[in-house]
């Protein structure tokens, strides 16, 4: 099910959507966009049976994922640097079907660890996020919860301020990555 989450987000969906934190507006502005040449290339998560091809395009990345069922999805991603923290903001790529009209376009965020030929993606922890969002009175979609997933509906400024205020909060990002990808050599 994690491969479906990456495909939807990596929109990383039926079984997986309940464990995600999504935002209607981007989490971060373009001011923090960063380039990392080591991110471009082909990556594979053997456990999830998922391949992701990152192609750099104008300070962003086009990401093409292929899952175990050979379903390929186009995504767009921005790599952001805030202090020493790398964050990957993922959104759906250009859609050319009815899905444009029926799916909620959202942004998903991962904390990135890039170590040589190993890339790990750590999402926000839904339990910690839920507690912090309630304390901050953050605007959320009405049915948002740890079991249904959280959808932030506040302005981009509110979302970014909240995120930046909690980057160093213990447990904000899951310790265990949702995806552990290894570079595939060309």
C-alpha atoms as a PDB file:
ATOM      1  CA  UNK A   1       0.000   0.000   0.000  1.00  0.00           C
ATOM      2  CA  UNK A   2       2.942   2.374   0.479  1.00  0.00           C
ATOM      3  CA  UNK A   3       3.568   2.372  -3.261  1.00  0.00           C
ATOM      4  CA  UNK A   4       0.038   3.689  -3.769  1.00  0.00           C
ATOM      5  CA  UNK A   5       0.766   6.455  -1.278  1.00  0.00           C
ATOM      6  CA  UNK A   6       3.872   7.529  -3.188  1.00  0.00           C
ATOM      7  CA  UNK A   7       1.943   7.452  -6.444  1.00  0.00           C
ATOM      8  CA  UNK A   8      -0.803   9.595  -5.022  1.00  0.00           C
ATOM      9  CA  UNK A   9       1.639  11.896  -3.421  1.00  0.00           C
ATOM     10  CA  UNK A  10       5.263  10.799  -4.345  1.00  0.00           C
ATOM     11  CA  UNK A  11      -1.432  13.331  -4.742  1.00  0.00           C
ATOM     12  CA  UNK A  12       3.719   8.542  -2.085  1.00  0.00           C
ATOM     13  CA  UNK A  13      -5.743   6.899  -1.752  1.00  0.00           C
ATOM     14  CA  UNK A  14      -7.915   4.239  -0.674  1.00  0.00           C
ATOM     15  CA  UNK A  15      -6.039   2.271   1.953  1.00  0.00           C
ATOM     16  CA  UNK A  16      -3.085   4.599   2.503  1.00  0.00           C
ATOM     17  CA  UNK A  17      -4.759   8.017   2.551  1.00  0.00           C
ATOM     18  CA  UNK A  18      -5.722   7.704   6.210  1.00  0.00           C
ATOM     19  CA  UNK A  19      -2.082   7.909   7.286  1.00  0.00           C
ATOM     20  CA  UNK A  20      -1.155  11.045   5.384  1.00  0.00           C
ATOM     21  CA  UNK A  21      -0.919  14.719   6.145  1.00  0.00           C
ATOM     22  CA  UNK A  22      -1.797  16.724   3.031  1.00  0.00           C
ATOM     23  CA  UNK A  23      -2.184  20.400   2.306  1.00  0.00           C
ATOM     24  CA  UNK A  24      -4.470  22.113  -0.186  1.00  0.00           C
ATOM     25  CA  UNK A  25      -1.867  24.881  -0.508  1.00  0.00           C
ATOM     26  CA  UNK A  26       1.860  24.304  -0.903  1.00  0.00           C
ATOM     27  CA  UNK A  27       3.677  23.782   2.386  1.00  0.00           C
ATOM     28  CA  UNK A  28       6.536  26.039   1.330  1.00  0.00           C
ATOM     29  CA  UNK A  29       7.084  28.966  -1.022  1.00  0.00           C
ATOM     30  CA  UNK A  30       9.620  28.974  -3.827  1.00  0.00           C
ATOM     31  CA  UNK A  31      11.954  31.038  -1.607  1.00  0.00           C
ATOM     32  CA  UNK A  32      13.355  27.872  -0.045  1.00  0.00           C
ATOM     33  CA  UNK A  33      13.727  25.847  -3.259  1.00  0.00           C
ATOM     34  CA  UNK A  34      17.077  24.092  -3.460  1.00  0.00           C
ATOM     35  CA  UNK A  35      18.851  22.126  -6.114  1.00  0.00           C
ATOM     36  CA  UNK A  36      20.589  18.887  -5.356  1.00  0.00           C
ATOM     37  CA  UNK A  37      22.196  17.257  -8.395  1.00  0.00           C
ATOM     38  CA  UNK A  38      22.410  13.939  -6.526  1.00  0.00           C
ATOM     39  CA  UNK A  39      18.592  13.672  -6.474  1.00  0.00           C
ATOM     40  CA  UNK A  40      18.265  13.437 -10.259  1.00  0.00           C
ATOM     41  CA  UNK A  41      18.258   9.884 -11.544  1.00  0.00           C
ATOM     42  CA  UNK A  42      16.481   6.572 -11.123  1.00  0.00           C
ATOM     43  CA  UNK A  43      15.690   5.229  -7.663  1.00  0.00           C
ATOM     44  CA  UNK A  44      14.134   1.954  -6.577  1.00  0.00           C
ATOM     45  CA  UNK A  45      12.455   0.755  -3.395  1.00  0.00           C
ATOM     46  CA  UNK A  46      12.678  -3.036  -3.679  1.00  0.00           C
ATOM     47  CA  UNK A  47      10.463  -3.636  -0.646  1.00  0.00           C
ATOM     48  CA  UNK A  48       7.692  -1.478  -2.114  1.00  0.00           C
ATOM     49  CA  UNK A  49       8.430  -2.649  -5.672  1.00  0.00           C
ATOM     50  CA  UNK A  50       8.504   0.958  -6.804  1.00  0.00           C
ATOM     51  CA  UNK A  51      10.765   2.862  -9.168  1.00  0.00           C
ATOM     52  CA  UNK A  52      10.969   6.667  -9.234  1.00  0.00           C
ATOM     53  CA  UNK A  53      12.777   8.679 -11.901  1.00  0.00           C
ATOM     54  CA  UNK A  54      13.649  12.238 -10.805  1.00  0.00           C
ATOM     55  CA  UNK A  55      14.350  14.663 -13.652  1.00  0.00           C
ATOM     56  CA  UNK A  56      15.464  18.212 -12.806  1.00  0.00           C
ATOM     57  CA  UNK A  57      13.434  20.930 -14.559  1.00  0.00           C
ATOM     58  CA  UNK A  58      13.784  24.638 -13.628  1.00  0.00           C
ATOM     59  CA  UNK A  59      14.429  24.294  -9.865  1.00  0.00           C
ATOM     60  CA  UNK A  60      11.857  21.498  -9.617  1.00  0.00           C
ATOM     61  CA  UNK A  61      11.715  17.842 -10.409  1.00  0.00           C
ATOM     62  CA  UNK A  62       9.424  15.832 -12.602  1.00  0.00           C
ATOM     63  CA  UNK A  63       8.975  12.466 -10.932  1.00  0.00           C
ATOM     64  CA  UNK A  64       7.733   9.436 -12.819  1.00  0.00           C
ATOM     65  CA  UNK A  65       6.827   6.542 -10.550  1.00  0.00           C
ATOM     66  CA  UNK A  66       6.106   2.984 -11.590  1.00  0.00           C
ATOM     67  CA  UNK A  67       4.613   0.575  -9.073  1.00  0.00           C
ATOM     68  CA  UNK A  68       4.568  -3.211  -8.783  1.00  0.00           C
ATOM     69  CA  UNK A  69       1.566  -3.363 -11.137  1.00  0.00           C
ATOM     70  CA  UNK A  70       3.487  -1.368 -13.770  1.00  0.00           C
ATOM     71  CA  UNK A  71       1.198   1.651 -13.292  1.00  0.00           C
ATOM     72  CA  UNK A  72       3.121   4.831 -14.099  1.00  0.00           C
ATOM     73  CA  UNK A  73       2.206   8.233 -12.671  1.00  0.00           C
ATOM     74  CA  UNK A  74       3.715  11.667 -13.306  1.00  0.00           C
ATOM     75  CA  UNK A  75       4.329  13.881 -10.281  1.00  0.00           C
ATOM     76  CA  UNK A  76       5.977  17.212  -9.678  1.00  0.00           C
ATOM     77  CA  UNK A  77       8.251  17.883  -6.727  1.00  0.00           C
ATOM     78  CA  UNK A  78      10.190  20.723  -5.199  1.00  0.00           C
ATOM     79  CA  UNK A  79      13.212  20.145  -2.996  1.00  0.00           C
ATOM     80  CA  UNK A  80      13.415  22.740  -0.222  1.00  0.00           C
ATOM     81  CA  UNK A  81      16.167  23.529   2.233  1.00  0.00           C
ATOM     82  CA  UNK A  82      15.371  25.150   5.576  1.00  0.00           C
ATOM     83  CA  UNK A  83      18.542  25.367   7.624  1.00  0.00           C
ATOM     84  CA  UNK A  84      20.067  21.898   7.487  1.00  0.00           C
ATOM     85  CA  UNK A  85      16.736  20.208   6.733  1.00  0.00           C
ATOM     86  CA  UNK A  86      15.850  18.990   3.241  1.00  0.00           C
ATOM     87  CA  UNK A  87      12.142  18.670   2.455  1.00  0.00           C
ATOM     88  CA  UNK A  88      10.467  17.241  -0.625  1.00  0.00           C
ATOM     89  CA  UNK A  89       7.090  18.749  -1.484  1.00  0.00           C
ATOM     90  CA  UNK A  90       5.196  16.466  -3.871  1.00  0.00           C
ATOM     91  CA  UNK A  91       2.081  17.189  -5.920  1.00  0.00           C
ATOM     92  CA  UNK A  92       0.321  15.554  -8.851  1.00  0.00           C
ATOM     93  CA  UNK A  93       1.806  16.184 -12.270  1.00  0.00           C
ATOM     94  CA  UNK A  94      -0.157  17.364 -15.253  1.00  0.00           C
ATOM     95  CA  UNK A  95      -3.321  15.305 -15.546  1.00  0.00           C
ATOM     96  CA  UNK A  96      -5.118  14.808 -18.833  1.00  0.00           C
ATOM     97  CA  UNK A  97      -8.281  13.063 -17.772  1.00  0.00           C
ATOM     98  CA  UNK A  98     -11.483  13.439 -15.805  1.00  0.00           C
ATOM     99  CA  UNK A  99      -9.430  12.978 -12.657  1.00  0.00           C
ATOM    100  CA  UNK A 100      -8.707  16.720 -12.792  1.00  0.00           C
ATOM    101  CA  UNK A 101     -12.312  17.368 -11.884  1.00  0.00           C
ATOM    102  CA  UNK A 102     -12.897  14.756  -9.214  1.00  0.00           C
ATOM    103  CA  UNK A 103      -9.641  14.464  -7.256  1.00  0.00           C
ATOM    104  CA  UNK A 104      -8.531  16.880  -4.563  1.00  0.00           C
ATOM    105  CA  UNK A 105      -5.207  18.394  -5.624  1.00  0.00           C
ATOM    106  CA  UNK A 106      -3.011  18.304  -2.532  1.00  0.00           C
ATOM    107  CA  UNK A 107       0.639  18.638  -1.555  1.00  0.00           C
ATOM    108  CA  UNK A 108       2.469  16.049   0.509  1.00  0.00           C
ATOM    109  CA  UNK A 109       5.661  16.681   2.400  1.00  0.00           C
ATOM    110  CA  UNK A 110       8.583  14.419   3.235  1.00  0.00           C
ATOM    111  CA  UNK A 111      11.724  15.053   5.213  1.00  0.00           C
ATOM    112  CA  UNK A 112      14.557  13.873   2.982  1.00  0.00           C
ATOM    113  CA  UNK A 113      17.718  12.054   3.916  1.00  0.00           C
ATOM    114  CA  UNK A 114      20.036  11.745   0.940  1.00  0.00           C
ATOM    115  CA  UNK A 115      23.140   9.738   1.697  1.00  0.00           C
ATOM    116  CA  UNK A 116      25.096   8.723  -1.377  1.00  0.00           C
ATOM    117  CA  UNK A 117      22.986   6.219  -3.247  1.00  0.00           C
ATOM    118  CA  UNK A 118      20.323   5.960  -0.510  1.00  0.00           C
ATOM    119  CA  UNK A 119      17.263   8.237  -0.358  1.00  0.00           C
ATOM    120  CA  UNK A 120      14.768   8.024   2.510  1.00  0.00           C
ATOM    121  CA  UNK A 121      11.467   9.879   2.711  1.00  0.00           C
ATOM    122  CA  UNK A 122       9.958  10.557   6.153  1.00  0.00           C
ATOM    123  CA  UNK A 123       6.385  11.942   6.309  1.00  0.00           C
ATOM    124  CA  UNK A 124       4.950  13.889   9.221  1.00  0.00           C
ATOM    125  CA  UNK A 125       3.752  11.596  12.000  1.00  0.00           C
ATOM    126  CA  UNK A 126      -0.064  11.845  11.988  1.00  0.00           C
ATOM    127  CA  UNK A 127      -0.414  11.511  15.771  1.00  0.00           C
ATOM    128  CA  UNK A 128       2.158  14.211  16.574  1.00  0.00           C
ATOM    129  CA  UNK A 129       0.850  16.401  13.759  1.00  0.00           C
ATOM    130  CA  UNK A 130      -2.737  16.083  15.009  1.00  0.00           C
ATOM    131  CA  UNK A 131      -1.799  17.149  18.525  1.00  0.00           C
ATOM    132  CA  UNK A 132       0.274  20.124  17.314  1.00  0.00           C
ATOM    133  CA  UNK A 133      -2.367  21.192  14.775  1.00  0.00           C
ATOM    134  CA  UNK A 134      -5.052  21.199  17.505  1.00  0.00           C
ATOM    135  CA  UNK A 135      -2.822  23.264  19.814  1.00  0.00           C
ATOM    136  CA  UNK A 136      -2.209  25.756  16.992  1.00  0.00           C
ATOM    137  CA  UNK A 137      -5.885  25.783  15.958  1.00  0.00           C
ATOM    138  CA  UNK A 138      -4.713  25.050  12.415  1.00  0.00           C
ATOM    139  CA  UNK A 139      -7.384  25.114   9.697  1.00  0.00           C
ATOM    140  CA  UNK A 140      -8.171  21.541   8.637  1.00  0.00           C
ATOM    141  CA  UNK A 141     -10.743  19.841   6.444  1.00  0.00           C
ATOM    142  CA  UNK A 142     -13.754  18.953   8.613  1.00  0.00           C
ATOM    143  CA  UNK A 143     -13.255  15.170   8.674  1.00  0.00           C
ATOM    144  CA  UNK A 144      -9.502  15.342   9.253  1.00  0.00           C
ATOM    145  CA  UNK A 145      -8.227  12.912  11.860  1.00  0.00           C
ATOM    146  CA  UNK A 146      -5.423  10.467  12.500  1.00  0.00           C
ATOM    147  CA  UNK A 147      -7.551   7.668  11.049  1.00  0.00           C
ATOM    148  CA  UNK A 148      -8.864   9.628   8.040  1.00  0.00           C
ATOM    149  CA  UNK A 149      -5.688  11.597   7.399  1.00  0.00           C
ATOM    150  CA  UNK A 150      -5.279  15.330   7.802  1.00  0.00           C
ATOM    151  CA  UNK A 151      -5.910  17.882   5.073  1.00  0.00           C
ATOM    152  CA  UNK A 152      -4.657  21.383   5.844  1.00  0.00           C
ATOM    153  CA  UNK A 153      -6.898  24.105   4.418  1.00  0.00           C
ATOM    154  CA  UNK A 154      -5.184  27.179   5.849  1.00  0.00           C
ATOM    155  CA  UNK A 155      -3.349  29.684   3.693  1.00  0.00           C
ATOM    156  CA  UNK A 156       0.117  28.923   2.410  1.00  0.00           C
ATOM    157  CA  UNK A 157       1.547  31.424   4.898  1.00  0.00           C
ATOM    158  CA  UNK A 158      -0.169  29.692   7.830  1.00  0.00           C
ATOM    159  CA  UNK A 159       0.971  26.263   6.668  1.00  0.00           C
ATOM    160  CA  UNK A 160       4.571  27.396   6.161  1.00  0.00           C
ATOM    161  CA  UNK A 161       4.708  29.188   9.532  1.00  0.00           C
ATOM    162  CA  UNK A 162       3.351  26.098  11.285  1.00  0.00           C
ATOM    163  CA  UNK A 163       5.801  23.792   9.497  1.00  0.00           C
ATOM    164  CA  UNK A 164       8.849  25.984  10.139  1.00  0.00           C
ATOM    165  CA  UNK A 165       7.876  26.275  13.793  1.00  0.00           C
ATOM    166  CA  UNK A 166       7.881  22.479  14.162  1.00  0.00           C
ATOM    167  CA  UNK A 167      10.778  21.308  11.980  1.00  0.00           C
ATOM    168  CA  UNK A 168      12.812  20.545  15.100  1.00  0.00           C
ATOM    169  CA  UNK A 169       9.918  19.247  17.220  1.00  0.00           C
ATOM    170  CA  UNK A 170      10.784  15.677  18.261  1.00  0.00           C
ATOM    171  CA  UNK A 171       8.578  13.196  16.438  1.00  0.00           C
ATOM    172  CA  UNK A 172       7.106  15.694  13.966  1.00  0.00           C
ATOM    173  CA  UNK A 173       8.492  13.530  11.172  1.00  0.00           C
ATOM    174  CA  UNK A 174       8.285   9.756  11.472  1.00  0.00           C
ATOM    175  CA  UNK A 175      11.570   8.151  12.449  1.00  0.00           C
ATOM    176  CA  UNK A 176      10.903   5.206  10.135  1.00  0.00           C
ATOM    177  CA  UNK A 177      10.807   6.277   6.486  1.00  0.00           C
ATOM    178  CA  UNK A 178       7.831   5.444   4.310  1.00  0.00           C
ATOM    179  CA  UNK A 179      10.219   4.889   1.415  1.00  0.00           C
ATOM    180  CA  UNK A 180      13.835   3.780   1.263  1.00  0.00           C
ATOM    181  CA  UNK A 181      15.085   4.108  -2.276  1.00  0.00           C
ATOM    182  CA  UNK A 182      18.422   3.075  -3.722  1.00  0.00           C
ATOM    183  CA  UNK A 183      19.972   4.681  -6.778  1.00  0.00           C
ATOM    184  CA  UNK A 184      19.944   2.525  -9.872  1.00  0.00           C
ATOM    185  CA  UNK A 185      23.155   3.065 -11.790  1.00  0.00           C
ATOM    186  CA  UNK A 186      22.617   3.862 -15.493  1.00  0.00           C
END
